[in-house]
Amino acid sequence: MGDVAVILPAAGRSTRFGDPKQKKIFADLDGRAVWLRAVEPFINRDDVSETIVVIAPEDAELFERRFRANVAFLGIKLVEGGNDRAESVARGLAAVGPDAKFIAIHDAARPCVTTELIDAVFQAARDHGAAIPAVPVADTIKRAANDRSIAETVPRAGLYLAQTPQVFARDLLERAYDARGALHEAPTDDARLVEALGQPVALVDGSPFNLKITTGPDLRLASAMLKAMPRPKRAGPAHPFADESTMWGGPNLK
């Protein structure tokens, strides 16, 4: 029995995606919805006890209509989210069963995470209690003034871009969420809440493939990345709606 519960926040509004007809997690990515591609690398892992997708209340009917069979076959638990990301994750955390000793939180808009990256972050969390993948900042960083001119150049030494999955010992993450009201800011990732407790969080080498879909053009980048990625070795039963080729880049039902 696995001891890691995976929570995928999927309740965001997708305001920067640029498609008024649908949210980014429902967008087609080489034949499959973005959120399905994000969740699938976790489904058949022996160390994962359960997978929880936190959805916006207004999307419940859509999930029932379009994804009921996927949710049932993959054994996914759906939870309705709250007004912001932190509240949504907190609701997902409250729904975790008793077997989980670690909690992994992965953006439902990151559809290209690799098995190797998941392995590395899971192991680092077991070793240190908290771990996230991150990539060092390579570009020069400018801070803008109100008039969109350059206010300053920010030294990039020691700066990293945080990714997911972010993995924490369950008791540590529960304490961090219980204390989130004292932060007086809206945390943009879960590590920020753990940092606020004074707890160290290990950094694991992230991957440029681990793209987060934010705008429409990101879908084209993700499609190219999926085609460039090696196909994972799949364990467990075949997906009822896809063969091996369609799950990793070919046409398929959504």
Protein backbone atom coordinates (compact mmCIF):
# COMPACT_ATOMS: atom_id res chain seq x y z
CA MET A 1 0.00 0.00 0.00
CA GLY A 2 1.34 3.41 -0.95
CA ASP A 3 1.81 6.15 1.61
CA VAL A 4 1.71 9.25 -0.64
CA ALA A 5 -1.55 11.05 -1.37
CA VAL A 6 -1.45 13.23 -4.48
CA ILE A 7 -3.55 16.42 -4.61
CA LEU A 8 -4.00 18.23 -7.91
CA PRO A 9 -5.47 21.76 -7.57
CA ALA A 10 -7.67 22.30 -10.64
CA ALA A 11 -10.04 25.01 -9.44
CA GLY A 12 -8.31 28.07 -10.91
CA ARG A 13 -10.02 30.58 -13.17
CA SER A 14 -7.46 30.49 -16.04
CA THR A 15 -7.67 34.25 -16.50
CA ARG A 16 -4.41 34.42 -18.48
CA PHE A 17 -5.15 31.49 -20.78
CA GLY A 18 -6.97 33.62 -23.32
CA ASP A 19 -9.78 31.23 -24.24
CA PRO A 20 -13.18 32.45 -23.01
CA LYS A 21 -14.82 29.13 -23.95
CA GLN A 22 -12.84 26.83 -21.66
CA LYS A 23 -10.31 26.70 -18.84
CA LYS A 24 -6.77 25.60 -19.54
CA ILE A 25 -7.07 22.30 -17.67
CA PHE A 26 -9.78 21.21 -20.11
CA ALA A 27 -7.86 22.22 -23.23
CA ASP A 28 -6.97 19.47 -25.66
CA LEU A 29 -3.30 18.47 -25.56
CA ASP A 30 -2.59 15.94 -28.29
CA GLY A 31 -5.94 14.24 -27.80
CA ARG A 32 -6.29 14.40 -24.04
CA ALA A 33 -7.33 17.08 -21.57
CA VAL A 34 -4.43 18.83 -19.84
CA TRP A 35 -5.55 17.74 -16.36
CA LEU A 36 -5.66 14.08 -17.41
CA ARG A 37 -2.12 14.21 -18.71
CA ALA A 38 -1.05 15.81 -15.41
CA VAL A 39 -2.66 13.13 -13.25
CA GLU A 40 -1.75 10.00 -15.21
CA PRO A 41 1.94 9.73 -14.17
CA PHE A 42 0.80 9.26 -10.55
CA ILE A 43 -2.03 6.78 -11.03
CA ASN A 44 -0.23 3.44 -11.21
CA ARG A 45 2.61 4.17 -8.80
CA ASP A 46 2.97 1.66 -5.99
CA ASP A 47 3.85 4.46 -3.55
CA VAL A 48 0.66 6.47 -4.22
CA SER A 49 -2.29 5.65 -1.99
CA GLU A 50 -4.85 7.98 -3.56
CA THR A 51 -5.25 10.80 -6.03
CA ILE A 52 -7.48 13.81 -5.31
CA VAL A 53 -8.42 16.42 -7.92
CA VAL A 54 -9.77 19.67 -6.49
CA ILE A 55 -12.22 21.28 -8.91
CA ALA A 56 -14.17 24.51 -9.01
CA PRO A 57 -17.82 24.04 -7.96
CA GLU A 58 -18.98 25.42 -11.30
CA ASP A 59 -17.02 22.69 -13.10
CA ALA A 60 -18.71 19.77 -11.31
CA GLU A 61 -21.32 19.28 -14.04
CA LEU A 62 -18.65 19.40 -16.76
CA PHE A 63 -16.57 16.75 -14.99
CA GLU A 64 -19.63 14.55 -14.65
CA ARG A 65 -20.52 14.95 -18.31
CA ARG A 66 -17.08 14.71 -19.93
CA PHE A 67 -14.85 12.83 -17.51
CA ARG A 68 -17.05 10.53 -15.40
CA ALA A 69 -15.60 7.35 -16.95
CA ASN A 70 -12.01 8.59 -16.57
CA VAL A 71 -12.55 9.55 -12.94
CA ALA A 72 -14.18 6.21 -12.12
CA PHE A 73 -11.62 4.01 -13.87
CA LEU A 74 -8.61 5.88 -12.52
CA GLY A 75 -10.02 5.87 -8.98
CA ILE A 76 -9.80 9.65 -8.63
CA LYS A 77 -11.51 11.43 -5.75
CA LEU A 78 -13.07 14.77 -6.70
CA VAL A 79 -13.29 17.56 -4.11
CA GLU A 80 -14.79 21.01 -4.60
CA GLY A 81 -12.32 23.83 -4.08
CA GLY A 82 -12.54 27.20 -2.37
CA ASN A 83 -12.02 30.86 -3.17
CA ASP A 84 -8.27 30.65 -3.72
CA ARG A 85 -5.54 28.08 -4.23
CA ALA A 86 -4.66 27.71 -0.57
CA GLU A 87 -8.27 27.07 0.42
CA SER A 88 -8.63 24.55 -2.39
CA VAL A 89 -5.54 22.64 -1.31
CA ALA A 90 -6.74 22.75 2.30
CA ARG A 91 -10.00 21.11 1.23
CA GLY A 92 -8.09 18.47 -0.65
CA LEU A 93 -5.89 17.88 2.38
CA ALA A 94 -8.96 17.43 4.58
CA ALA A 95 -10.16 14.67 2.22
CA VAL A 96 -6.95 12.60 2.42
CA GLY A 97 -7.42 9.12 3.84
CA PRO A 98 -5.62 7.71 6.89
CA ASP A 99 -2.96 5.72 5.00
CA ALA A 100 -1.05 8.72 3.64
CA LYS A 101 2.11 9.77 5.47
CA PHE A 102 3.24 12.15 2.74
CA ILE A 103 1.31 14.62 0.60
CA ALA A 104 2.31 15.52 -2.96
CA ILE A 105 0.72 18.58 -4.53
CA HIS A 106 0.98 18.88 -8.30
CA ASP A 107 -0.44 21.57 -10.57
CA ALA A 108 -3.20 20.18 -12.78
CA ALA A 109 -1.77 22.47 -15.48
CA ARG A 110 1.64 20.71 -15.55
CA PRO A 111 1.03 17.88 -18.04
CA CYS A 112 4.64 16.92 -18.85
CA VAL A 113 6.05 15.81 -15.51
CA THR A 114 8.34 12.79 -15.83
CA THR A 115 8.52 9.65 -13.73
CA GLU A 116 12.17 10.37 -12.97
CA LEU A 117 11.33 13.79 -11.53
CA ILE A 118 8.53 12.34 -9.40
CA ASP A 119 10.89 9.65 -8.11
CA ALA A 120 13.51 12.23 -7.15
CA VAL A 121 11.12 14.56 -5.31
CA PHE A 122 9.39 11.70 -3.48
CA GLN A 123 12.76 10.39 -2.27
CA ALA A 124 13.97 13.83 -1.20
CA ALA A 125 10.78 14.35 0.81
CA ARG A 126 11.33 11.02 2.56
CA ASP A 127 14.90 12.06 3.35
CA HIS A 128 14.20 15.66 4.44
CA GLY A 129 10.49 15.91 5.24
CA ALA A 130 9.85 18.50 2.52
CA ALA A 131 11.07 18.84 -1.06
CA ILE A 132 10.23 20.65 -4.29
CA PRO A 133 11.65 20.58 -7.82
CA ALA A 134 13.13 23.84 -9.04
CA VAL A 135 15.27 25.11 -11.90
CA PRO A 136 17.90 27.84 -11.59
CA VAL A 137 17.08 31.18 -13.19
CA ALA A 138 19.09 31.49 -16.40
CA ASP A 139 17.88 34.85 -17.76
CA THR A 140 18.73 38.30 -16.49
CA ILE A 141 15.95 39.56 -14.22
CA LYS A 142 14.65 43.12 -14.36
CA ARG A 143 12.28 44.70 -11.86
CA ALA A 144 9.88 47.11 -13.56
CA ALA A 145 8.83 50.54 -12.34
CA ASN A 146 5.22 51.69 -12.52
CA ASP A 147 5.83 53.24 -15.95
CA ARG A 148 7.21 49.93 -17.29
CA SER A 149 10.78 51.18 -17.35
CA ILE A 150 13.54 49.22 -15.62
CA ALA A 151 13.71 49.97 -11.90
CA GLU A 152 16.60 47.63 -11.17
CA THR A 153 18.43 44.51 -12.25
CA VAL A 154 17.95 41.71 -9.75
CA PRO A 155 20.99 39.46 -9.17
CA ARG A 156 20.03 35.95 -10.28
CA ALA A 157 22.60 34.10 -8.19
CA GLY A 158 20.79 31.62 -5.96
CA LEU A 159 17.40 32.24 -7.59
CA TYR A 160 15.26 29.28 -8.65
CA LEU A 161 11.90 28.80 -10.35
CA ALA A 162 9.70 26.53 -8.25
CA GLN A 163 7.83 23.63 -9.88
CA THR A 164 5.59 20.81 -8.72
CA PRO A 165 5.05 18.18 -7.43
CA GLN A 166 5.87 19.59 -4.03
CA VAL A 167 6.00 16.85 -1.41
CA PHE A 168 5.78 17.10 2.38
CA ALA A 169 5.42 14.91 5.42
CA ARG A 170 1.71 14.96 6.17
CA ASP A 171 1.94 16.30 9.72
CA LEU A 172 4.23 19.10 8.58
CA LEU A 173 1.90 20.20 5.78
CA GLU A 174 -1.14 20.02 8.05
CA ARG A 175 0.59 22.27 10.58
CA ALA A 176 1.55 24.67 7.80
CA TYR A 177 -2.02 24.92 6.58
CA ASP A 178 -3.41 25.29 10.08
CA ALA A 179 -1.10 28.31 10.53
CA ARG A 180 -1.66 29.88 7.09
CA GLY A 181 -3.79 32.72 8.51
CA ALA A 182 -0.71 34.18 10.19
CA LEU A 183 1.11 34.63 6.88
CA HIS A 184 -0.84 37.78 5.86
CA GLU A 185 -0.25 37.09 2.18
CA ALA A 186 -1.66 34.79 -0.48
CA PRO A 187 0.88 31.98 -0.90
CA THR A 188 1.50 31.00 -4.51
CA ASP A 189 2.86 27.58 -3.62
CA ASP A 190 2.72 25.19 -0.69
CA ALA A 191 6.40 25.43 0.16
CA ARG A 192 5.81 29.06 1.19
CA LEU A 193 3.57 27.91 4.04
CA VAL A 194 6.12 25.36 5.20
CA GLU A 195 8.87 27.98 5.00
CA ALA A 196 6.76 30.22 7.27
CA LEU A 197 7.02 27.57 9.98
CA GLY A 198 10.81 27.85 9.82
CA GLN A 199 11.11 24.37 8.31
CA PRO A 200 13.74 23.74 5.61
CA VAL A 201 12.55 22.60 2.19
CA ALA A 202 14.97 20.64 0.00
CA LEU A 203 15.45 21.66 -3.63
CA VAL A 204 15.56 18.92 -6.27
CA ASP A 205 16.69 19.53 -9.83
CA GLY A 206 13.58 20.36 -11.83
CA SER A 207 13.11 19.90 -15.56
CA PRO A 208 12.52 22.29 -18.46
CA PHE A 209 9.95 19.74 -19.67
CA ASN A 210 7.87 20.37 -16.55
CA LEU A 211 6.03 23.28 -18.13
CA LYS A 212 3.01 24.90 -16.51
CA ILE A 213 0.26 25.78 -18.98
CA THR A 214 -0.57 29.45 -18.43
CA THR A 215 -1.29 30.97 -21.85
CA GLY A 216 -2.59 29.53 -25.10
CA PRO A 217 0.84 29.25 -26.79
CA ASP A 218 2.03 27.06 -23.90
CA LEU A 219 -0.10 24.26 -25.35
CA ARG A 220 2.08 24.17 -28.46
CA LEU A 221 5.21 24.02 -26.32
CA ALA A 222 3.73 21.22 -24.22
CA SER A 223 2.80 19.27 -27.35
CA ALA A 224 6.37 19.51 -28.62
CA MET A 225 7.69 18.44 -25.22
CA LEU A 226 5.42 15.40 -25.08
CA LYS A 227 6.71 14.28 -28.47
CA ALA A 228 10.32 14.72 -27.32
CA MET A 229 9.88 12.89 -24.01
CA PRO A 230 10.69 9.17 -23.80
CA ARG A 231 7.60 7.06 -23.34
CA PRO A 232 7.31 5.87 -19.74
CA LYS A 233 7.11 2.22 -18.82
CA ARG A 234 3.51 1.76 -17.79
CA ALA A 235 2.45 -0.54 -14.99
CA GLY A 236 -1.02 -1.83 -14.22
CA PRO A 237 -4.05 -2.16 -16.46
CA ALA A 238 -4.31 -0.38 -19.77
CA HIS A 239 -6.36 2.79 -19.85
CA PRO A 240 -9.80 2.04 -21.30
CA PHE A 241 -9.79 5.14 -23.48
CA ALA A 242 -6.27 5.02 -24.87
CA ASP A 243 -3.55 2.69 -26.02
CA GLU A 244 0.11 3.41 -25.29
CA SER A 245 0.59 5.60 -28.35
CA THR A 246 -2.46 7.79 -27.84
CA MET A 247 -1.71 8.50 -24.20
CA TRP A 248 1.67 9.96 -25.07
CA GLY A 249 1.17 12.09 -28.11
CA GLY A 250 -1.31 10.58 -30.56
CA PRO A 251 -4.98 11.35 -31.26
CA ASN A 252 -7.51 10.07 -28.79
CA LEU A 253 -10.83 10.58 -27.09
CA LYS A 254 -10.84 13.22 -24.35
